[in-house]
Amino acid sequence: MKAKVTVTLKTGVLDPQGKAVQHALGSLGFAGVGEVRQGKLIEVELAETDRTRAGEEVERMCRALLANPVIENYSIELVD
């Protein structure tokens, strides 16, 4: 089983990488680009086959290392 964890900055947290991408897109001629927020996708291969236990384990991983819950949101998708 594989877990896909998407981590993004919470609303209101400054995103300098997103601002740099927004500026670069404008410089390349992409008009009409509004706010850009950058995040990360983390894929974790799991030995656990029980979806409930796998979800709980990835949740613990997120709180311990993969995301900073003070400034980041995360979502978990389990893929068989």
N, C-alpha and C. Protein backbone atom coordinates (compact mmCIF):
# COMPACT_ATOMS: atom_id res chain seq x y z
N MET A 1 0.85 -1.17 0.00
CA MET A 1 0.00 0.00 0.00
C MET A 1 0.89 1.23 0.00
N LYS A 2 0.43 2.26 -0.66
CA LYS A 2 1.17 3.50 -0.74
C LYS A 2 0.33 4.62 -0.15
N ALA A 3 0.99 5.53 0.54
CA ALA A 3 0.33 6.72 1.06
C ALA A 3 0.88 7.93 0.33
N LYS A 4 -0.01 8.80 -0.10
CA LYS A 4 0.37 10.07 -0.70
C LYS A 4 -0.03 11.17 0.28
N VAL A 5 0.96 11.91 0.75
CA VAL A 5 0.74 12.97 1.72
C VAL A 5 0.99 14.30 1.01
N THR A 6 -0.01 15.16 0.99
CA THR A 6 0.12 16.50 0.42
C THR A 6 0.22 17.49 1.56
N VAL A 7 1.29 18.28 1.57
CA VAL A 7 1.54 19.25 2.63
C VAL A 7 1.51 20.65 2.01
N THR A 8 0.72 21.54 2.61
CA THR A 8 0.65 22.93 2.14
C THR A 8 0.70 23.86 3.34
N LEU A 9 1.14 25.08 3.09
CA LEU A 9 1.16 26.08 4.15
C LEU A 9 -0.26 26.51 4.48
N LYS A 10 -0.51 26.78 5.74
CA LYS A 10 -1.82 27.26 6.15
C LYS A 10 -2.06 28.65 5.58
N THR A 11 -3.33 28.99 5.41
CA THR A 11 -3.71 30.32 4.97
C THR A 11 -3.17 31.35 5.96
N GLY A 12 -2.59 32.40 5.43
CA GLY A 12 -2.05 33.44 6.28
C GLY A 12 -0.56 33.30 6.55
N VAL A 13 0.00 32.13 6.26
CA VAL A 13 1.45 31.93 6.43
C VAL A 13 2.12 32.39 5.13
N LEU A 14 3.14 33.24 5.25
CA LEU A 14 3.84 33.73 4.08
C LEU A 14 4.47 32.58 3.31
N ASP A 15 4.40 32.67 1.97
CA ASP A 15 4.92 31.63 1.09
C ASP A 15 5.88 32.27 0.09
N PRO A 16 7.15 32.50 0.47
CA PRO A 16 8.07 33.15 -0.44
C PRO A 16 8.33 32.37 -1.73
N GLN A 17 8.31 31.04 -1.67
CA GLN A 17 8.48 30.24 -2.89
C GLN A 17 7.30 30.44 -3.83
N GLY A 18 6.11 30.47 -3.27
CA GLY A 18 4.92 30.72 -4.09
C GLY A 18 4.97 32.09 -4.75
N LYS A 19 5.41 33.10 -4.00
CA LYS A 19 5.55 34.45 -4.56
C LYS A 19 6.57 34.48 -5.69
N ALA A 20 7.69 33.75 -5.52
CA ALA A 20 8.72 33.70 -6.56
C ALA A 20 8.17 33.04 -7.82
N VAL A 21 7.41 31.96 -7.67
CA VAL A 21 6.81 31.29 -8.82
C VAL A 21 5.80 32.21 -9.49
N GLN A 22 4.98 32.91 -8.70
CA GLN A 22 4.00 33.85 -9.25
C GLN A 22 4.70 34.92 -10.07
N HIS A 23 5.76 35.49 -9.53
CA HIS A 23 6.51 36.53 -10.24
C HIS A 23 7.13 35.98 -11.53
N ALA A 24 7.73 34.79 -11.45
CA ALA A 24 8.36 34.18 -12.62
C ALA A 24 7.34 33.88 -13.71
N LEU A 25 6.16 33.41 -13.34
CA LEU A 25 5.13 33.15 -14.34
C LEU A 25 4.72 34.43 -15.04
N GLY A 26 4.59 35.52 -14.27
CA GLY A 26 4.26 36.81 -14.87
C GLY A 26 5.36 37.27 -15.82
N SER A 27 6.61 37.06 -15.42
CA SER A 27 7.75 37.44 -16.27
C SER A 27 7.80 36.64 -17.56
N LEU A 28 7.28 35.42 -17.53
CA LEU A 28 7.26 34.57 -18.72
C LEU A 28 6.05 34.83 -19.61
N GLY A 29 5.23 35.80 -19.23
CA GLY A 29 4.10 36.17 -20.06
C GLY A 29 2.79 35.49 -19.73
N PHE A 30 2.73 34.78 -18.63
CA PHE A 30 1.47 34.14 -18.22
C PHE A 30 0.64 35.17 -17.46
N ALA A 31 -0.25 35.83 -18.18
CA ALA A 31 -1.06 36.89 -17.58
C ALA A 31 -2.22 36.27 -16.80
N GLY A 32 -2.70 37.01 -15.83
CA GLY A 32 -3.88 36.57 -15.09
C GLY A 32 -3.61 35.55 -14.01
N VAL A 33 -2.35 35.34 -13.66
CA VAL A 33 -2.03 34.39 -12.59
C VAL A 33 -2.21 35.11 -11.26
N GLY A 34 -3.09 34.58 -10.42
CA GLY A 34 -3.31 35.15 -9.10
C GLY A 34 -2.29 34.60 -8.12
N GLU A 35 -2.70 34.49 -6.90
CA GLU A 35 -1.80 34.00 -5.85
C GLU A 35 -1.36 32.57 -6.15
N VAL A 36 -0.08 32.29 -5.91
CA VAL A 36 0.47 30.95 -6.07
C VAL A 36 0.95 30.47 -4.70
N ARG A 37 0.54 29.27 -4.32
CA ARG A 37 0.98 28.66 -3.07
C ARG A 37 1.69 27.38 -3.44
N GLN A 38 2.85 27.15 -2.87
CA GLN A 38 3.62 25.96 -3.17
C GLN A 38 3.54 24.98 -2.01
N GLY A 39 3.50 23.71 -2.33
CA GLY A 39 3.45 22.67 -1.30
C GLY A 39 4.38 21.54 -1.69
N LYS A 40 4.17 20.40 -1.06
CA LYS A 40 4.98 19.24 -1.38
C LYS A 40 4.14 17.98 -1.33
N LEU A 41 4.54 17.01 -2.14
CA LEU A 41 3.89 15.71 -2.17
C LEU A 41 4.91 14.68 -1.71
N ILE A 42 4.54 13.89 -0.72
CA ILE A 42 5.43 12.85 -0.19
C ILE A 42 4.73 11.51 -0.39
N GLU A 43 5.41 10.57 -1.05
CA GLU A 43 4.88 9.22 -1.24
C GLU A 43 5.62 8.26 -0.33
N VAL A 44 4.87 7.47 0.43
CA VAL A 44 5.45 6.53 1.38
C VAL A 44 4.91 5.14 1.06
N GLU A 45 5.81 4.20 0.80
CA GLU A 45 5.42 2.81 0.58
C GLU A 45 5.29 2.15 1.95
N LEU A 46 4.15 1.51 2.19
CA LEU A 46 3.86 0.93 3.50
C LEU A 46 3.77 -0.59 3.41
N ALA A 47 4.26 -1.25 4.44
CA ALA A 47 4.12 -2.70 4.54
C ALA A 47 2.73 -3.06 5.07
N GLU A 48 2.15 -2.15 5.84
CA GLU A 48 0.82 -2.38 6.44
C GLU A 48 -0.23 -2.52 5.35
N THR A 49 -1.08 -3.53 5.46
CA THR A 49 -2.12 -3.76 4.46
C THR A 49 -3.51 -3.36 4.96
N ASP A 50 -3.69 -3.22 6.26
CA ASP A 50 -4.97 -2.80 6.81
C ASP A 50 -5.09 -1.28 6.65
N ARG A 51 -6.13 -0.83 5.94
CA ARG A 51 -6.27 0.59 5.62
C ARG A 51 -6.38 1.46 6.88
N THR A 52 -7.12 1.00 7.86
CA THR A 52 -7.30 1.79 9.07
C THR A 52 -5.97 1.97 9.80
N ARG A 53 -5.26 0.88 9.99
CA ARG A 53 -3.96 0.96 10.68
C ARG A 53 -2.95 1.75 9.86
N ALA A 54 -2.98 1.58 8.54
CA ALA A 54 -2.05 2.32 7.67
C ALA A 54 -2.33 3.82 7.78
N GLY A 55 -3.60 4.20 7.76
CA GLY A 55 -3.96 5.61 7.88
C GLY A 55 -3.51 6.19 9.21
N GLU A 56 -3.70 5.42 10.28
CA GLU A 56 -3.27 5.88 11.61
C GLU A 56 -1.76 6.04 11.67
N GLU A 57 -1.04 5.10 11.05
CA GLU A 57 0.42 5.16 11.06
C GLU A 57 0.94 6.38 10.29
N VAL A 58 0.34 6.65 9.12
CA VAL A 58 0.76 7.81 8.33
C VAL A 58 0.39 9.09 9.05
N GLU A 59 -0.73 9.10 9.73
CA GLU A 59 -1.13 10.27 10.53
C GLU A 59 -0.05 10.56 11.58
N ARG A 60 0.43 9.53 12.25
CA ARG A 60 1.51 9.71 13.24
C ARG A 60 2.79 10.21 12.58
N MET A 61 3.10 9.70 11.38
CA MET A 61 4.28 10.17 10.64
C MET A 61 4.18 11.66 10.34
N CYS A 62 2.99 12.08 9.93
CA CYS A 62 2.78 13.49 9.61
C CYS A 62 2.99 14.37 10.83
N ARG A 63 2.42 13.98 11.95
CA ARG A 63 2.56 14.79 13.17
C ARG A 63 3.99 14.79 13.70
N ALA A 64 4.73 13.68 13.48
CA ALA A 64 6.08 13.56 14.02
C ALA A 64 7.14 14.19 13.12
N LEU A 65 6.96 14.13 11.79
CA LEU A 65 8.06 14.53 10.90
C LEU A 65 7.62 15.18 9.59
N LEU A 66 6.64 14.62 8.92
CA LEU A 66 6.35 15.03 7.55
C LEU A 66 5.75 16.43 7.42
N ALA A 67 5.06 16.90 8.45
CA ALA A 67 4.44 18.22 8.39
C ALA A 67 4.64 18.94 9.72
N ASN A 68 4.65 20.25 9.66
CA ASN A 68 4.69 21.08 10.86
C ASN A 68 3.27 21.59 11.09
N PRO A 69 2.51 20.96 11.99
CA PRO A 69 1.10 21.32 12.15
C PRO A 69 0.86 22.75 12.62
N VAL A 70 1.90 23.44 13.07
CA VAL A 70 1.74 24.84 13.47
C VAL A 70 1.51 25.72 12.24
N ILE A 71 2.22 25.44 11.14
CA ILE A 71 2.13 26.29 9.96
C ILE A 71 1.67 25.57 8.70
N GLU A 72 1.50 24.24 8.77
CA GLU A 72 1.15 23.48 7.58
C GLU A 72 -0.11 22.63 7.79
N ASN A 73 -0.85 22.47 6.70
CA ASN A 73 -1.95 21.51 6.63
C ASN A 73 -1.45 20.31 5.83
N TYR A 74 -2.07 19.16 6.05
CA TYR A 74 -1.71 18.00 5.27
C TYR A 74 -2.96 17.15 5.03
N SER A 75 -2.90 16.42 3.92
CA SER A 75 -3.97 15.46 3.62
C SER A 75 -3.30 14.14 3.23
N ILE A 76 -3.98 13.06 3.52
CA ILE A 76 -3.44 11.72 3.28
C ILE A 76 -4.38 10.99 2.32
N GLU A 77 -3.78 10.37 1.31
CA GLU A 77 -4.52 9.52 0.38
C GLU A 77 -3.84 8.15 0.38
N LEU A 78 -4.60 7.11 0.68
CA LEU A 78 -4.07 5.75 0.65
C LEU A 78 -4.41 5.12 -0.68
N VAL A 79 -3.40 4.51 -1.33
CA VAL A 79 -3.58 3.90 -2.63
C VAL A 79 -3.15 2.44 -2.53
N ASP A 80 -4.04 1.54 -2.98
CA ASP A 80 -3.71 0.11 -2.93
C ASP A 80 -2.74 -0.27 -4.03
